[in-house]
Amino acid sequence: MSFRRIVTSHADGDEDGSDVRVFDDKVEMRPVLEGNAHMAPLFSSLGLPATNSHHISSSDIDAAASRVNAVALPGGVNAQVTDVAPNYFIKMHRTYSIDYNIILAGSVTLITPTKDGGESRTEVRAGEIVIQRGTLHAWEVGPDGARWCTVVVAALPVQVEGEGGVLDEVDFK
């Protein structure tokens, strides 16, 4: 399973912004979550703001995509595509990040906890966007499966009121 990725960069010595390089390749999806989901990293950058000032090569693009070992890249930004099998449930999890989830195909139900110990369920369809701000959440995928693109921006942990603690990350594995 693969899809096309196009990345642009200025060439070395580009003095007026007119020498743009286009890298056009295929990205292979890798299995995750016992093979019920497949994910492909697209690109990442360390630090904010990110730099666009230097030329990048295809090996730089591959290195940028492969430096992300989890959902969030500490101190950076990463983008990835995720395909999930029909009717699959992704457990509750939380990361130190802001996640921009753009649903490309299929449908998912966003599940979040409520104060009374219950849960809130929000159906999300292709063309809709979910922005996660360090919140605990799960996903239940619809009968046709789902594909989404996520841009993950590293963020500080959520500060809780009272004793001044923070909410811990929760791994979905």
N, C-alpha and C. Protein backbone atom coordinates (compact mmCIF):
# COMPACT_ATOMS: atom_id res chain seq x y z
N MET A 1 0.86 -1.17 0.00
CA MET A 1 0.00 0.00 0.00
C MET A 1 0.91 1.24 0.00
N SER A 2 0.71 2.11 -0.94
CA SER A 2 1.53 3.31 -1.05
C SER A 2 0.70 4.48 -1.56
N PHE A 3 1.27 5.66 -1.49
CA PHE A 3 0.64 6.84 -2.07
C PHE A 3 1.74 7.82 -2.49
N ARG A 4 1.37 8.79 -3.27
CA ARG A 4 2.32 9.76 -3.81
C ARG A 4 2.56 10.90 -2.84
N ARG A 5 3.85 11.29 -2.71
CA ARG A 5 4.24 12.45 -1.88
C ARG A 5 5.06 13.39 -2.75
N ILE A 6 4.74 14.67 -2.69
CA ILE A 6 5.49 15.69 -3.43
C ILE A 6 5.99 16.72 -2.42
N VAL A 7 7.31 16.95 -2.43
CA VAL A 7 7.93 17.91 -1.51
C VAL A 7 8.71 18.90 -2.36
N THR A 8 8.57 20.20 -2.05
CA THR A 8 9.31 21.22 -2.80
C THR A 8 10.41 21.83 -1.92
N SER A 9 11.45 22.33 -2.58
CA SER A 9 12.58 22.95 -1.90
C SER A 9 13.27 23.90 -2.87
N HIS A 10 13.90 24.93 -2.34
CA HIS A 10 14.72 25.80 -3.18
C HIS A 10 16.06 25.12 -3.42
N ALA A 11 16.62 25.32 -4.59
CA ALA A 11 17.92 24.76 -4.94
C ALA A 11 19.03 25.55 -4.24
N ASP A 12 20.18 24.90 -4.04
CA ASP A 12 21.34 25.61 -3.51
C ASP A 12 21.66 26.78 -4.43
N GLY A 13 21.97 27.92 -3.86
CA GLY A 13 22.34 29.09 -4.65
C GLY A 13 21.16 29.83 -5.25
N ASP A 14 19.93 29.46 -4.90
CA ASP A 14 18.75 30.14 -5.43
C ASP A 14 18.68 31.53 -4.80
N GLU A 15 19.02 32.55 -5.58
CA GLU A 15 19.12 33.91 -5.05
C GLU A 15 17.82 34.71 -5.13
N ASP A 16 16.92 34.31 -6.02
CA ASP A 16 15.71 35.11 -6.17
C ASP A 16 14.42 34.30 -5.99
N GLY A 17 14.55 33.04 -5.54
CA GLY A 17 13.37 32.22 -5.30
C GLY A 17 12.78 31.58 -6.53
N SER A 18 13.51 31.61 -7.65
CA SER A 18 12.96 31.09 -8.90
C SER A 18 13.45 29.68 -9.23
N ASP A 19 14.34 29.10 -8.41
CA ASP A 19 14.87 27.77 -8.71
C ASP A 19 14.34 26.76 -7.70
N VAL A 20 13.12 26.30 -7.95
CA VAL A 20 12.43 25.39 -7.04
C VAL A 20 12.61 23.95 -7.51
N ARG A 21 12.97 23.08 -6.59
CA ARG A 21 13.10 21.64 -6.86
C ARG A 21 11.83 20.93 -6.40
N VAL A 22 11.40 19.95 -7.15
CA VAL A 22 10.22 19.15 -6.81
C VAL A 22 10.66 17.70 -6.66
N PHE A 23 10.42 17.13 -5.49
CA PHE A 23 10.69 15.72 -5.23
C PHE A 23 9.35 15.00 -5.26
N ASP A 24 9.24 14.02 -6.10
CA ASP A 24 7.98 13.31 -6.34
C ASP A 24 8.27 11.82 -6.17
N ASP A 25 7.69 11.21 -5.15
CA ASP A 25 7.97 9.80 -4.92
C ASP A 25 6.75 9.07 -4.37
N LYS A 26 6.92 7.78 -4.13
CA LYS A 26 5.88 6.95 -3.52
C LYS A 26 6.30 6.66 -2.08
N VAL A 27 5.33 6.74 -1.18
CA VAL A 27 5.57 6.45 0.23
C VAL A 27 4.85 5.15 0.57
N GLU A 28 5.57 4.23 1.17
CA GLU A 28 4.99 2.94 1.57
C GLU A 28 4.39 3.06 2.96
N MET A 29 3.19 2.50 3.12
CA MET A 29 2.53 2.45 4.42
C MET A 29 3.13 1.28 5.21
N ARG A 30 3.32 1.46 6.52
CA ARG A 30 3.83 0.38 7.37
C ARG A 30 2.74 -0.03 8.36
N PRO A 31 2.65 -1.33 8.66
CA PRO A 31 1.60 -1.78 9.57
C PRO A 31 1.86 -1.35 11.01
N VAL A 32 0.79 -0.94 11.69
CA VAL A 32 0.83 -0.61 13.12
C VAL A 32 -0.44 -1.18 13.76
N LEU A 33 -0.51 -1.19 15.07
CA LEU A 33 -1.69 -1.66 15.80
C LEU A 33 -2.13 -3.04 15.32
N GLU A 34 -1.22 -4.00 15.42
CA GLU A 34 -1.47 -5.39 15.04
C GLU A 34 -1.92 -5.52 13.59
N GLY A 35 -1.49 -4.62 12.74
CA GLY A 35 -1.84 -4.69 11.33
C GLY A 35 -3.22 -4.18 10.98
N ASN A 36 -3.96 -3.66 11.97
CA ASN A 36 -5.28 -3.10 11.70
C ASN A 36 -5.22 -1.66 11.24
N ALA A 37 -4.04 -1.10 11.30
CA ALA A 37 -3.82 0.26 10.79
C ALA A 37 -2.48 0.26 10.07
N HIS A 38 -2.36 1.15 9.12
CA HIS A 38 -1.11 1.36 8.40
C HIS A 38 -0.81 2.85 8.44
N MET A 39 0.46 3.19 8.60
CA MET A 39 0.82 4.58 8.72
C MET A 39 2.06 4.86 7.87
N ALA A 40 2.13 6.07 7.37
CA ALA A 40 3.31 6.50 6.62
C ALA A 40 3.67 7.91 7.05
N PRO A 41 4.90 8.09 7.52
CA PRO A 41 5.35 9.45 7.83
C PRO A 41 5.57 10.21 6.52
N LEU A 42 5.18 11.48 6.51
CA LEU A 42 5.33 12.29 5.31
C LEU A 42 6.57 13.18 5.39
N PHE A 43 6.69 13.91 6.49
CA PHE A 43 7.78 14.86 6.66
C PHE A 43 7.77 15.33 8.10
N SER A 44 8.90 15.82 8.58
CA SER A 44 8.97 16.41 9.91
C SER A 44 9.98 17.53 9.90
N SER A 45 9.87 18.40 10.89
CA SER A 45 10.85 19.46 11.07
C SER A 45 11.06 19.67 12.56
N LEU A 46 12.28 19.97 12.93
CA LEU A 46 12.61 20.22 14.33
C LEU A 46 12.61 21.71 14.60
N GLY A 47 12.06 22.09 15.75
CA GLY A 47 12.05 23.49 16.15
C GLY A 47 10.97 24.29 15.46
N LEU A 48 10.56 25.35 16.13
CA LEU A 48 9.57 26.27 15.58
C LEU A 48 10.10 27.69 15.73
N PRO A 49 10.06 28.51 14.75
CA PRO A 49 9.60 28.18 13.40
C PRO A 49 10.60 27.26 12.69
N ALA A 50 10.09 26.47 11.78
CA ALA A 50 10.92 25.58 10.96
C ALA A 50 11.67 26.41 9.93
N THR A 51 12.75 25.86 9.41
CA THR A 51 13.51 26.57 8.40
C THR A 51 13.17 26.06 7.00
N ASN A 52 13.07 26.97 6.06
CA ASN A 52 12.88 26.63 4.66
C ASN A 52 14.05 27.12 3.82
N SER A 53 15.12 27.57 4.48
CA SER A 53 16.19 28.28 3.80
C SER A 53 17.21 27.41 3.10
N HIS A 54 17.29 26.14 3.41
CA HIS A 54 18.32 25.34 2.77
C HIS A 54 17.71 24.30 1.82
N HIS A 55 18.51 23.95 0.85
CA HIS A 55 18.14 22.93 -0.13
C HIS A 55 18.04 21.58 0.57
N ILE A 56 17.06 20.77 0.19
CA ILE A 56 16.99 19.41 0.71
C ILE A 56 17.04 18.41 -0.42
N SER A 57 17.57 17.25 -0.12
CA SER A 57 17.67 16.17 -1.11
C SER A 57 16.65 15.10 -0.77
N SER A 58 16.54 14.11 -1.63
CA SER A 58 15.62 13.01 -1.36
C SER A 58 16.02 12.26 -0.09
N SER A 59 17.32 12.15 0.18
CA SER A 59 17.75 11.49 1.43
C SER A 59 17.38 12.34 2.64
N ASP A 60 17.42 13.67 2.52
CA ASP A 60 16.97 14.54 3.61
C ASP A 60 15.47 14.35 3.88
N ILE A 61 14.69 14.19 2.82
CA ILE A 61 13.25 13.99 2.96
C ILE A 61 12.98 12.67 3.67
N ASP A 62 13.68 11.61 3.25
CA ASP A 62 13.51 10.31 3.91
C ASP A 62 13.93 10.39 5.38
N ALA A 63 15.02 11.08 5.68
CA ALA A 63 15.48 11.23 7.07
C ALA A 63 14.46 12.01 7.89
N ALA A 64 13.90 13.06 7.31
CA ALA A 64 12.91 13.87 8.02
C ALA A 64 11.66 13.05 8.33
N ALA A 65 11.27 12.20 7.40
CA ALA A 65 10.08 11.37 7.62
C ALA A 65 10.35 10.28 8.65
N SER A 66 11.55 9.73 8.67
CA SER A 66 11.82 8.59 9.55
C SER A 66 12.22 8.98 10.97
N ARG A 67 12.45 10.26 11.26
CA ARG A 67 12.88 10.62 12.61
C ARG A 67 11.76 10.55 13.64
N VAL A 68 10.54 10.37 13.20
CA VAL A 68 9.39 10.32 14.12
C VAL A 68 9.12 8.86 14.50
N ASN A 69 9.28 8.54 15.79
CA ASN A 69 9.06 7.17 16.25
C ASN A 69 7.74 7.00 16.97
N ALA A 70 7.04 8.08 17.25
CA ALA A 70 5.76 8.03 17.94
C ALA A 70 4.83 9.02 17.24
N VAL A 71 3.74 9.37 17.89
CA VAL A 71 2.81 10.33 17.28
C VAL A 71 3.44 11.72 17.25
N ALA A 72 3.97 12.16 18.39
CA ALA A 72 4.52 13.52 18.49
C ALA A 72 6.05 13.49 18.38
N LEU A 73 6.60 14.49 17.74
CA LEU A 73 8.04 14.69 17.65
C LEU A 73 8.40 15.80 18.63
N PRO A 74 9.03 15.48 19.77
CA PRO A 74 9.33 16.52 20.75
C PRO A 74 10.08 17.69 20.12
N GLY A 75 9.56 18.90 20.33
CA GLY A 75 10.19 20.10 19.80
C GLY A 75 10.01 20.31 18.31
N GLY A 76 9.08 19.59 17.69
CA GLY A 76 8.95 19.72 16.25
C GLY A 76 7.54 19.50 15.75
N VAL A 77 7.46 19.30 14.44
CA VAL A 77 6.21 19.10 13.73
C VAL A 77 6.39 17.90 12.81
N ASN A 78 5.38 17.05 12.73
CA ASN A 78 5.43 15.98 11.75
C ASN A 78 4.06 15.79 11.11
N ALA A 79 4.10 15.21 9.93
CA ALA A 79 2.86 14.91 9.21
C ALA A 79 2.88 13.45 8.84
N GLN A 80 1.71 12.81 8.89
CA GLN A 80 1.61 11.40 8.57
C GLN A 80 0.24 11.09 8.00
N VAL A 81 0.16 9.99 7.28
CA VAL A 81 -1.11 9.47 6.77
C VAL A 81 -1.38 8.16 7.47
N THR A 82 -2.63 7.95 7.88
CA THR A 82 -3.03 6.72 8.57
C THR A 82 -4.23 6.12 7.86
N ASP A 83 -4.15 4.82 7.57
CA ASP A 83 -5.28 4.03 7.07
C ASP A 83 -5.67 3.06 8.17
N VAL A 84 -6.97 2.94 8.48
CA VAL A 84 -7.42 2.05 9.53
C VAL A 84 -8.50 1.12 8.97
N ALA A 85 -8.42 -0.14 9.37
CA ALA A 85 -9.34 -1.16 8.91
C ALA A 85 -10.77 -0.86 9.37
N PRO A 86 -11.75 -1.36 8.63
CA PRO A 86 -13.15 -1.17 9.01
C PRO A 86 -13.42 -1.70 10.42
N ASN A 87 -14.27 -0.96 11.14
CA ASN A 87 -14.78 -1.36 12.45
C ASN A 87 -13.69 -1.56 13.51
N TYR A 88 -12.52 -0.94 13.32
CA TYR A 88 -11.43 -1.09 14.29
C TYR A 88 -11.53 0.00 15.36
N PHE A 89 -11.13 -0.33 16.57
CA PHE A 89 -11.17 0.59 17.70
C PHE A 89 -9.74 0.91 18.14
N ILE A 90 -9.39 2.19 18.18
CA ILE A 90 -8.08 2.64 18.67
C ILE A 90 -8.29 3.16 20.09
N LYS A 91 -7.59 2.56 21.04
CA LYS A 91 -7.76 2.83 22.46
C LYS A 91 -7.50 4.30 22.82
N MET A 92 -8.00 4.67 24.00
CA MET A 92 -7.77 6.01 24.54
C MET A 92 -6.27 6.31 24.61
N HIS A 93 -5.91 7.52 24.21
CA HIS A 93 -4.52 7.96 24.25
C HIS A 93 -4.46 9.48 24.32
N ARG A 94 -3.29 9.99 24.76
CA ARG A 94 -3.08 11.44 24.84
C ARG A 94 -1.59 11.69 24.58
N THR A 95 -1.30 12.72 23.79
CA THR A 95 0.08 13.10 23.52
C THR A 95 0.28 14.58 23.83
N TYR A 96 1.52 14.94 24.05
CA TYR A 96 1.87 16.35 24.27
C TYR A 96 1.98 17.01 22.89
N SER A 97 0.81 17.30 22.32
CA SER A 97 0.80 17.85 20.97
C SER A 97 -0.57 18.45 20.66
N ILE A 98 -0.59 19.22 19.59
CA ILE A 98 -1.84 19.63 18.95
C ILE A 98 -1.87 18.87 17.63
N ASP A 99 -2.94 18.10 17.42
CA ASP A 99 -3.04 17.25 16.24
C ASP A 99 -4.16 17.78 15.34
N TYR A 100 -3.82 18.04 14.08
CA TYR A 100 -4.79 18.45 13.08
C TYR A 100 -5.10 17.21 12.24
N ASN A 101 -6.24 16.56 12.49
CA ASN A 101 -6.64 15.33 11.81
C ASN A 101 -7.63 15.66 10.71
N ILE A 102 -7.23 15.45 9.46
CA ILE A 102 -8.07 15.74 8.31
C ILE A 102 -8.55 14.40 7.76
N ILE A 103 -9.84 14.13 7.88
CA ILE A 103 -10.39 12.86 7.44
C ILE A 103 -10.52 12.91 5.91
N LEU A 104 -9.83 11.98 5.25
CA LEU A 104 -9.79 11.96 3.78
C LEU A 104 -10.80 10.98 3.18
N ALA A 105 -11.04 9.86 3.85
CA ALA A 105 -11.95 8.85 3.32
C ALA A 105 -12.57 8.09 4.48
N GLY A 106 -13.78 7.60 4.28
CA GLY A 106 -14.46 6.82 5.30
C GLY A 106 -15.01 7.70 6.42
N SER A 107 -15.20 7.08 7.57
CA SER A 107 -15.70 7.82 8.72
C SER A 107 -15.14 7.22 10.00
N VAL A 108 -15.05 8.05 11.02
CA VAL A 108 -14.59 7.63 12.34
C VAL A 108 -15.47 8.29 13.39
N THR A 109 -15.50 7.68 14.56
CA THR A 109 -16.17 8.31 15.69
C THR A 109 -15.09 8.70 16.69
N LEU A 110 -15.04 9.98 17.01
CA LEU A 110 -14.14 10.50 18.03
C LEU A 110 -14.80 10.25 19.38
N ILE A 111 -14.08 9.60 20.29
CA ILE A 111 -14.61 9.29 21.61
C ILE A 111 -13.76 10.01 22.65
N THR A 112 -14.41 10.81 23.50
CA THR A 112 -13.71 11.53 24.56
C THR A 112 -14.43 11.28 25.88
N PRO A 113 -13.68 11.28 26.99
CA PRO A 113 -14.31 11.05 28.29
C PRO A 113 -15.10 12.27 28.75
N THR A 114 -16.10 12.01 29.59
CA THR A 114 -16.87 13.09 30.22
C THR A 114 -16.64 13.03 31.73
N LYS A 115 -16.91 14.13 32.39
CA LYS A 115 -16.64 14.27 33.82
C LYS A 115 -17.36 13.22 34.67
N ASP A 116 -18.53 12.78 34.23
CA ASP A 116 -19.32 11.80 35.01
C ASP A 116 -18.88 10.35 34.78
N GLY A 117 -17.77 10.15 34.08
CA GLY A 117 -17.27 8.80 33.82
C GLY A 117 -17.80 8.19 32.54
N GLY A 118 -18.60 8.92 31.82
CA GLY A 118 -19.13 8.44 30.55
C GLY A 118 -18.23 8.83 29.40
N GLU A 119 -18.83 8.89 28.23
CA GLU A 119 -18.07 9.28 27.05
C GLU A 119 -18.93 10.09 26.09
N SER A 120 -18.27 10.94 25.36
CA SER A 120 -18.90 11.71 24.29
C SER A 120 -18.47 11.08 22.98
N ARG A 121 -19.39 10.94 22.04
CA ARG A 121 -19.11 10.33 20.75
C ARG A 121 -19.49 11.31 19.64
N THR A 122 -18.53 11.60 18.76
CA THR A 122 -18.75 12.55 17.67
C THR A 122 -18.36 11.88 16.35
N GLU A 123 -19.33 11.71 15.45
CA GLU A 123 -19.01 11.11 14.16
C GLU A 123 -18.33 12.14 13.26
N VAL A 124 -17.28 11.70 12.58
CA VAL A 124 -16.50 12.56 11.70
C VAL A 124 -16.39 11.86 10.35
N ARG A 125 -16.71 12.60 9.29
CA ARG A 125 -16.72 12.02 7.94
C ARG A 125 -15.63 12.65 7.07
N ALA A 126 -15.42 12.05 5.91
CA ALA A 126 -14.44 12.56 4.95
C ALA A 126 -14.70 14.04 4.68
N GLY A 127 -13.64 14.81 4.67
CA GLY A 127 -13.73 16.25 4.44
C GLY A 127 -13.84 17.06 5.72
N GLU A 128 -13.95 16.40 6.86
CA GLU A 128 -14.06 17.10 8.14
C GLU A 128 -12.73 17.01 8.90
N ILE A 129 -12.56 17.90 9.86
CA ILE A 129 -11.28 18.03 10.57
C ILE A 129 -11.51 18.00 12.07
N VAL A 130 -10.64 17.25 12.77
CA VAL A 130 -10.66 17.21 14.23
C VAL A 130 -9.33 17.77 14.72
N ILE A 131 -9.39 18.74 15.61
CA ILE A 131 -8.18 19.32 16.20
C ILE A 131 -8.12 18.89 17.66
N GLN A 132 -7.14 18.03 17.96
CA GLN A 132 -6.93 17.51 19.31
C GLN A 132 -5.93 18.41 20.02
N ARG A 133 -6.26 18.89 21.19
CA ARG A 133 -5.37 19.78 21.94
C ARG A 133 -4.95 19.10 23.25
N GLY A 134 -4.16 18.03 23.13
CA GLY A 134 -3.66 17.34 24.30
C GLY A 134 -4.73 16.61 25.09
N THR A 135 -5.84 16.27 24.45
CA THR A 135 -6.95 15.63 25.16
C THR A 135 -6.90 14.12 25.02
N LEU A 136 -7.42 13.44 26.03
CA LEU A 136 -7.58 12.00 26.00
C LEU A 136 -8.68 11.68 24.99
N HIS A 137 -8.41 10.73 24.09
CA HIS A 137 -9.40 10.40 23.06
C HIS A 137 -9.14 9.01 22.50
N ALA A 138 -10.18 8.46 21.88
CA ALA A 138 -10.10 7.18 21.16
C ALA A 138 -10.79 7.37 19.82
N TRP A 139 -10.59 6.41 18.92
CA TRP A 139 -11.22 6.43 17.61
C TRP A 139 -11.92 5.09 17.37
N GLU A 140 -13.12 5.15 16.85
CA GLU A 140 -13.83 3.95 16.40
C GLU A 140 -14.10 4.13 14.92
N VAL A 141 -13.52 3.27 14.11
CA VAL A 141 -13.59 3.43 12.66
C VAL A 141 -14.87 2.82 12.12
N GLY A 142 -15.44 3.45 11.12
CA GLY A 142 -16.70 3.02 10.53
C GLY A 142 -16.55 1.77 9.67
N PRO A 143 -17.65 1.31 9.08
CA PRO A 143 -17.67 0.05 8.33
C PRO A 143 -16.88 0.07 7.03
N ASP A 144 -16.54 1.25 6.52
CA ASP A 144 -15.75 1.34 5.29
C ASP A 144 -14.28 1.60 5.55
N GLY A 145 -13.86 1.59 6.83
CA GLY A 145 -12.49 1.96 7.14
C GLY A 145 -12.33 3.47 7.06
N ALA A 146 -11.12 3.94 7.24
CA ALA A 146 -10.88 5.38 7.18
C ALA A 146 -9.44 5.67 6.82
N ARG A 147 -9.23 6.81 6.20
CA ARG A 147 -7.89 7.35 5.95
C ARG A 147 -7.90 8.79 6.42
N TRP A 148 -6.87 9.17 7.17
CA TRP A 148 -6.74 10.56 7.54
C TRP A 148 -5.29 10.99 7.50
N CYS A 149 -5.09 12.28 7.32
CA CYS A 149 -3.78 12.90 7.36
C CYS A 149 -3.73 13.71 8.64
N THR A 150 -2.63 13.58 9.37
CA THR A 150 -2.48 14.30 10.62
C THR A 150 -1.21 15.13 10.59
N VAL A 151 -1.33 16.39 10.97
CA VAL A 151 -0.18 17.25 11.22
C VAL A 151 -0.10 17.41 12.72
N VAL A 152 1.02 16.96 13.30
CA VAL A 152 1.20 16.92 14.74
C VAL A 152 2.24 17.98 15.13
N VAL A 153 1.82 18.92 15.98
CA VAL A 153 2.70 19.99 16.44
C VAL A 153 2.99 19.76 17.92
N ALA A 154 4.27 19.65 18.27
CA ALA A 154 4.65 19.44 19.67
C ALA A 154 4.08 20.57 20.53
N ALA A 155 3.61 20.21 21.72
CA ALA A 155 3.02 21.20 22.63
C ALA A 155 3.44 20.87 24.06
N LEU A 156 3.27 21.83 24.92
CA LEU A 156 3.51 21.61 26.33
C LEU A 156 2.39 20.75 26.91
N PRO A 157 2.66 20.01 28.00
CA PRO A 157 1.60 19.22 28.63
C PRO A 157 0.47 20.13 29.14
N VAL A 158 -0.72 19.54 29.24
CA VAL A 158 -1.87 20.26 29.79
C VAL A 158 -1.63 20.46 31.28
N GLN A 159 -1.71 21.71 31.74
CA GLN A 159 -1.59 22.05 33.17
C GLN A 159 -2.95 21.89 33.82
N VAL A 160 -3.00 21.17 34.92
CA VAL A 160 -4.26 21.01 35.64
C VAL A 160 -4.34 22.05 36.75
N GLU A 161 -5.56 22.45 37.08
CA GLU A 161 -5.76 23.44 38.14
C GLU A 161 -5.49 22.82 39.50
N GLY A 162 -5.28 23.64 40.48
CA GLY A 162 -5.07 23.15 41.84
C GLY A 162 -3.61 23.02 42.18
N GLU A 163 -3.12 21.81 42.26
CA GLU A 163 -1.75 21.54 42.68
C GLU A 163 -0.71 21.90 41.62
N GLY A 164 -1.14 22.29 40.45
CA GLY A 164 -0.19 22.71 39.41
C GLY A 164 0.46 21.56 38.67
N GLY A 165 -0.14 20.38 38.70
CA GLY A 165 0.42 19.24 37.98
C GLY A 165 0.11 19.29 36.50
N VAL A 166 0.54 18.26 35.81
CA VAL A 166 0.27 18.14 34.38
C VAL A 166 -0.39 16.80 34.11
N LEU A 167 -1.13 16.73 33.01
CA LEU A 167 -1.72 15.48 32.58
C LEU A 167 -0.66 14.67 31.84
N ASP A 168 -0.51 13.42 32.19
CA ASP A 168 0.48 12.55 31.56
C ASP A 168 0.06 12.12 30.17
N GLU A 169 1.05 11.81 29.34
CA GLU A 169 0.75 11.19 28.07
C GLU A 169 0.22 9.78 28.33
N VAL A 170 -0.63 9.30 27.44
CA VAL A 170 -1.21 7.96 27.55
C VAL A 170 -0.98 7.26 26.22
N ASP A 171 -0.25 6.15 26.23
CA ASP A 171 0.05 5.41 25.02
C ASP A 171 -1.12 4.53 24.64
N PHE A 172 -1.44 4.44 23.36
CA PHE A 172 -2.59 3.66 22.91
C PHE A 172 -2.27 2.21 22.60
N LYS A 173 -1.06 1.80 22.84
CA LYS A 173 -0.67 0.41 22.52
C LYS A 173 -1.11 -0.54 23.60
